[in-house]
Amino acid sequence: MSDMKDLRLLNSYEIFDYTPEMIKESMEKNGGKILMKGILQKADTLNQNGRIYPLAVLAREVRNYQKFIIENRALGELDHPDSSVVNLKNASHVVREAYIENGTVFGTVEILDKTPSGAILKGLVESGVKLGISSRGVGSTRKQGDYYVVQDDFQLICWDYVSEPSTPGAFMIPEGRRIEEGDLRSLFNRTDRI
């Protein structure tokens, strides 16, 4: 048996609720910018695919993510790419705030309407399309009974806007292929989806 960890691209979904009135109010209040607030992720919650993100792991990653927020580099994409890297040409939004309270990660996201993907995201939001927000990270899981627990090697990459969630609550879809520990810049393609 090898001691090599089986690192995978991991995603976690939440529905990001907003109303057209909230968008209009945000634009009026923020000089035309759309800032959206909501739940980004939940800790210690069994997701529909049977995965749990422990509070200690998620809290650590939210703390680590503050550096990206402070440096104005907390970018995300529209739809999950099959990559462990945020591609600048596909950036649609920037996370302005992320904090954890009672096991729930809350955040504020600004839509980058001057980028191609951001303009699409703005159009979807203004049209009232219901979107989800989804974490993207790399790590391994361990089976524990009927579910999987995300391990301490998890590294948060970003939060992306996605269309996948169709019902309230969280659900997750594991993606990726085996990558060697430390090789977090590996690219994934659609055929790698599990």
Protein backbone atom coordinates (compact mmCIF):
# COMPACT_ATOMS: atom_id res chain seq x y z
CA MET A 1 0.00 0.00 0.00
CA SER A 2 1.21 3.46 -0.81
CA ASP A 3 1.09 6.31 1.70
CA MET A 4 0.42 8.70 -1.20
CA LYS A 5 -2.73 10.70 -0.62
CA ASP A 6 -5.41 10.64 -3.27
CA LEU A 7 -5.92 14.39 -3.77
CA ARG A 8 -8.95 15.44 -5.81
CA LEU A 9 -10.63 18.61 -6.95
CA LEU A 10 -13.50 19.05 -4.47
CA ASN A 11 -16.56 21.26 -4.87
CA SER A 12 -19.33 22.25 -2.47
CA TYR A 13 -22.53 23.99 -3.59
CA GLU A 14 -24.89 26.50 -1.94
CA ILE A 15 -27.78 28.41 -3.46
CA PHE A 16 -26.99 32.14 -3.44
CA ASP A 17 -30.32 33.88 -2.88
CA TYR A 18 -31.05 37.41 -4.08
CA THR A 19 -33.92 39.38 -5.57
CA PRO A 20 -34.01 41.96 -8.38
CA GLU A 21 -34.77 44.56 -5.72
CA MET A 22 -31.61 43.62 -3.83
CA ILE A 23 -29.54 43.96 -7.03
CA LYS A 24 -31.04 47.38 -7.84
CA GLU A 25 -30.44 48.56 -4.28
CA SER A 26 -26.83 47.34 -4.38
CA MET A 27 -26.15 49.17 -7.63
CA GLU A 28 -27.65 52.41 -6.28
CA LYS A 29 -25.75 52.13 -3.01
CA ASN A 30 -22.39 51.08 -4.53
CA GLY A 31 -21.94 53.37 -7.53
CA GLY A 32 -23.25 50.90 -10.09
CA LYS A 33 -21.44 47.87 -8.66
CA ILE A 34 -23.34 44.72 -7.80
CA LEU A 35 -22.36 43.39 -4.38
CA MET A 36 -24.11 40.24 -3.24
CA LYS A 37 -24.13 38.81 0.29
CA GLY A 38 -25.01 35.30 1.35
CA ILE A 39 -23.92 31.87 2.49
CA LEU A 40 -20.80 30.60 0.77
CA GLN A 41 -20.47 27.22 2.51
CA LYS A 42 -21.39 25.18 5.61
CA ALA A 43 -19.18 23.18 7.96
CA ASP A 44 -20.02 19.91 9.67
CA THR A 45 -23.05 19.46 7.40
CA LEU A 46 -23.65 16.23 5.53
CA ASN A 47 -24.05 17.15 1.89
CA GLN A 48 -26.22 15.20 -0.53
CA ASN A 49 -23.22 13.41 -1.99
CA GLY A 50 -22.23 12.24 1.47
CA ARG A 51 -19.31 14.58 2.20
CA ILE A 52 -18.64 16.67 5.31
CA TYR A 53 -16.23 19.61 5.62
CA PRO A 54 -15.08 19.69 9.27
CA LEU A 55 -15.34 23.07 10.99
CA ALA A 56 -11.63 23.16 11.86
CA VAL A 57 -10.61 22.59 8.22
CA LEU A 58 -13.09 25.10 6.80
CA ALA A 59 -12.30 27.74 9.46
CA ARG A 60 -8.56 27.40 8.72
CA GLU A 61 -9.14 27.80 4.97
CA VAL A 62 -11.38 30.86 5.46
CA ARG A 63 -8.59 32.38 7.62
CA ASN A 64 -5.99 31.56 4.94
CA TYR A 65 -8.26 33.05 2.24
CA GLN A 66 -8.19 36.46 3.96
CA LYS A 67 -4.80 37.13 2.33
CA PHE A 68 -6.40 36.85 -1.12
CA ILE A 69 -9.23 39.17 -0.07
CA ILE A 70 -6.83 41.78 1.35
CA GLU A 71 -4.65 41.63 -1.79
CA ASN A 72 -7.72 41.95 -4.07
CA ARG A 73 -6.97 38.50 -5.60
CA ALA A 74 -9.96 36.51 -4.32
CA LEU A 75 -11.30 35.85 -7.81
CA GLY A 76 -13.81 33.25 -8.92
CA GLU A 77 -15.19 32.03 -12.21
CA LEU A 78 -18.58 31.56 -13.80
CA ASP A 79 -19.11 27.77 -13.79
CA HIS A 80 -16.55 25.37 -12.36
CA PRO A 81 -13.63 24.83 -14.66
CA ASP A 82 -11.92 21.46 -14.44
CA SER A 83 -8.81 23.10 -13.03
CA SER A 84 -7.20 23.82 -9.71
CA VAL A 85 -6.17 27.27 -10.96
CA VAL A 86 -8.32 30.40 -11.28
CA ASN A 87 -7.89 31.61 -14.87
CA LEU A 88 -7.83 35.41 -15.04
CA LYS A 89 -9.44 35.46 -18.49
CA ASN A 90 -12.49 33.71 -16.99
CA ALA A 91 -12.83 35.76 -13.78
CA SER A 92 -16.42 36.86 -13.16
CA HIS A 93 -16.36 38.11 -9.58
CA VAL A 94 -14.17 38.91 -6.61
CA VAL A 95 -14.87 37.94 -3.01
CA ARG A 96 -14.74 41.07 -0.86
CA GLU A 97 -15.50 39.41 2.47
CA ALA A 98 -15.61 35.87 3.87
CA TYR A 99 -16.10 34.94 7.50
CA ILE A 100 -17.35 31.97 9.46
CA GLU A 101 -20.04 32.20 12.09
CA ASN A 102 -21.63 29.22 13.86
CA GLY A 103 -20.26 26.82 11.25
CA THR A 104 -21.54 28.81 8.27
CA VAL A 105 -19.27 30.73 5.89
CA PHE A 106 -20.86 34.04 4.90
CA GLY A 107 -19.49 36.35 2.25
CA THR A 108 -19.80 39.41 0.07
CA VAL A 109 -19.10 39.02 -3.64
CA GLU A 110 -18.66 41.80 -6.23
CA ILE A 111 -19.55 41.06 -9.85
CA LEU A 112 -16.79 42.16 -12.25
CA ASP A 113 -19.02 43.50 -15.02
CA LYS A 114 -16.06 44.70 -17.11
CA THR A 115 -14.83 41.14 -17.77
CA PRO A 116 -16.56 38.90 -20.35
CA SER A 117 -17.61 36.31 -17.75
CA GLY A 118 -18.56 39.05 -15.28
CA ALA A 119 -20.79 40.70 -17.90
CA ILE A 120 -22.54 37.36 -18.44
CA LEU A 121 -22.91 36.91 -14.67
CA LYS A 122 -24.34 40.43 -14.34
CA GLY A 123 -26.86 39.72 -17.11
CA LEU A 124 -27.95 36.48 -15.46
CA VAL A 125 -28.32 38.16 -12.07
CA GLU A 126 -30.24 41.13 -13.48
CA SER A 127 -32.55 38.69 -15.26
CA GLY A 128 -33.32 36.99 -11.95
CA VAL A 129 -31.66 33.66 -12.78
CA LYS A 130 -31.22 31.58 -9.62
CA LEU A 131 -27.54 30.80 -9.18
CA GLY A 132 -25.49 28.81 -6.75
CA ILE A 133 -22.11 29.54 -5.24
CA SER A 134 -19.64 26.70 -5.00
CA SER A 135 -16.28 26.25 -3.35
CA ARG A 136 -13.42 24.79 -5.35
CA GLY A 137 -10.48 23.22 -3.58
CA VAL A 138 -8.02 20.35 -3.62
CA GLY A 139 -7.78 17.67 -0.98
CA SER A 140 -8.56 14.13 0.02
CA THR A 141 -11.46 12.46 1.80
CA ARG A 142 -11.76 9.56 4.24
CA LYS A 143 -14.78 7.27 4.38
CA GLN A 144 -16.45 7.29 7.78
CA GLY A 145 -19.56 5.14 7.93
CA ASP A 146 -21.93 6.22 5.17
CA TYR A 147 -20.18 9.50 4.36
CA TYR A 148 -16.81 10.99 3.49
CA VAL A 149 -14.92 13.49 5.63
CA VAL A 150 -12.73 16.08 3.92
CA GLN A 151 -9.23 15.72 5.35
CA ASP A 152 -6.77 18.23 6.80
CA ASP A 153 -4.89 18.47 3.47
CA PHE A 154 -7.82 20.36 1.90
CA GLN A 155 -6.83 23.68 0.32
CA LEU A 156 -9.52 26.18 -0.70
CA ILE A 157 -8.94 27.69 -4.15
CA CYS A 158 -12.00 29.92 -4.60
CA TRP A 159 -15.78 30.18 -4.79
CA ASP A 160 -17.37 30.01 -8.25
CA TYR A 161 -20.88 30.86 -9.45
CA VAL A 162 -22.65 27.80 -10.84
CA SER A 163 -26.04 26.75 -12.17
CA GLU A 164 -25.98 23.20 -10.77
CA PRO A 165 -28.03 23.68 -7.56
CA SER A 166 -31.71 23.18 -8.29
CA THR A 167 -33.04 22.62 -4.78
CA PRO A 168 -32.48 24.45 -1.50
CA GLY A 169 -29.54 23.30 0.62
CA ALA A 170 -26.08 22.07 -0.15
CA PHE A 171 -24.94 19.31 -2.44
CA MET A 172 -21.54 18.46 -3.79
CA ILE A 173 -20.08 16.68 -6.78
CA PRO A 174 -16.57 15.26 -6.54
CA GLU A 175 -14.45 16.04 -9.57
CA GLY A 176 -10.95 15.36 -10.70
CA ARG A 177 -8.38 12.70 -11.07
CA ARG A 178 -5.63 11.52 -8.77
CA ILE A 179 -2.89 14.10 -8.48
CA GLU A 180 0.34 13.88 -6.58
CA GLU A 181 0.54 15.79 -3.30
CA GLY A 182 1.93 19.25 -4.01
CA ASP A 183 0.88 19.17 -7.68
CA LEU A 184 -2.02 21.57 -7.16
CA ARG A 185 -1.65 23.22 -10.56
CA SER A 186 -2.70 20.14 -12.56
CA LEU A 187 -5.41 20.79 -15.09
CA PHE A 188 -8.51 18.63 -15.34
CA ASN A 189 -10.78 18.05 -18.30
CA ARG A 190 -14.45 17.02 -18.61
CA THR A 191 -13.56 13.34 -19.03
CA ASP A 192 -12.01 13.38 -15.54
CA ARG A 193 -15.36 14.14 -13.86
CA ILE A 194 -16.46 11.36 -11.53
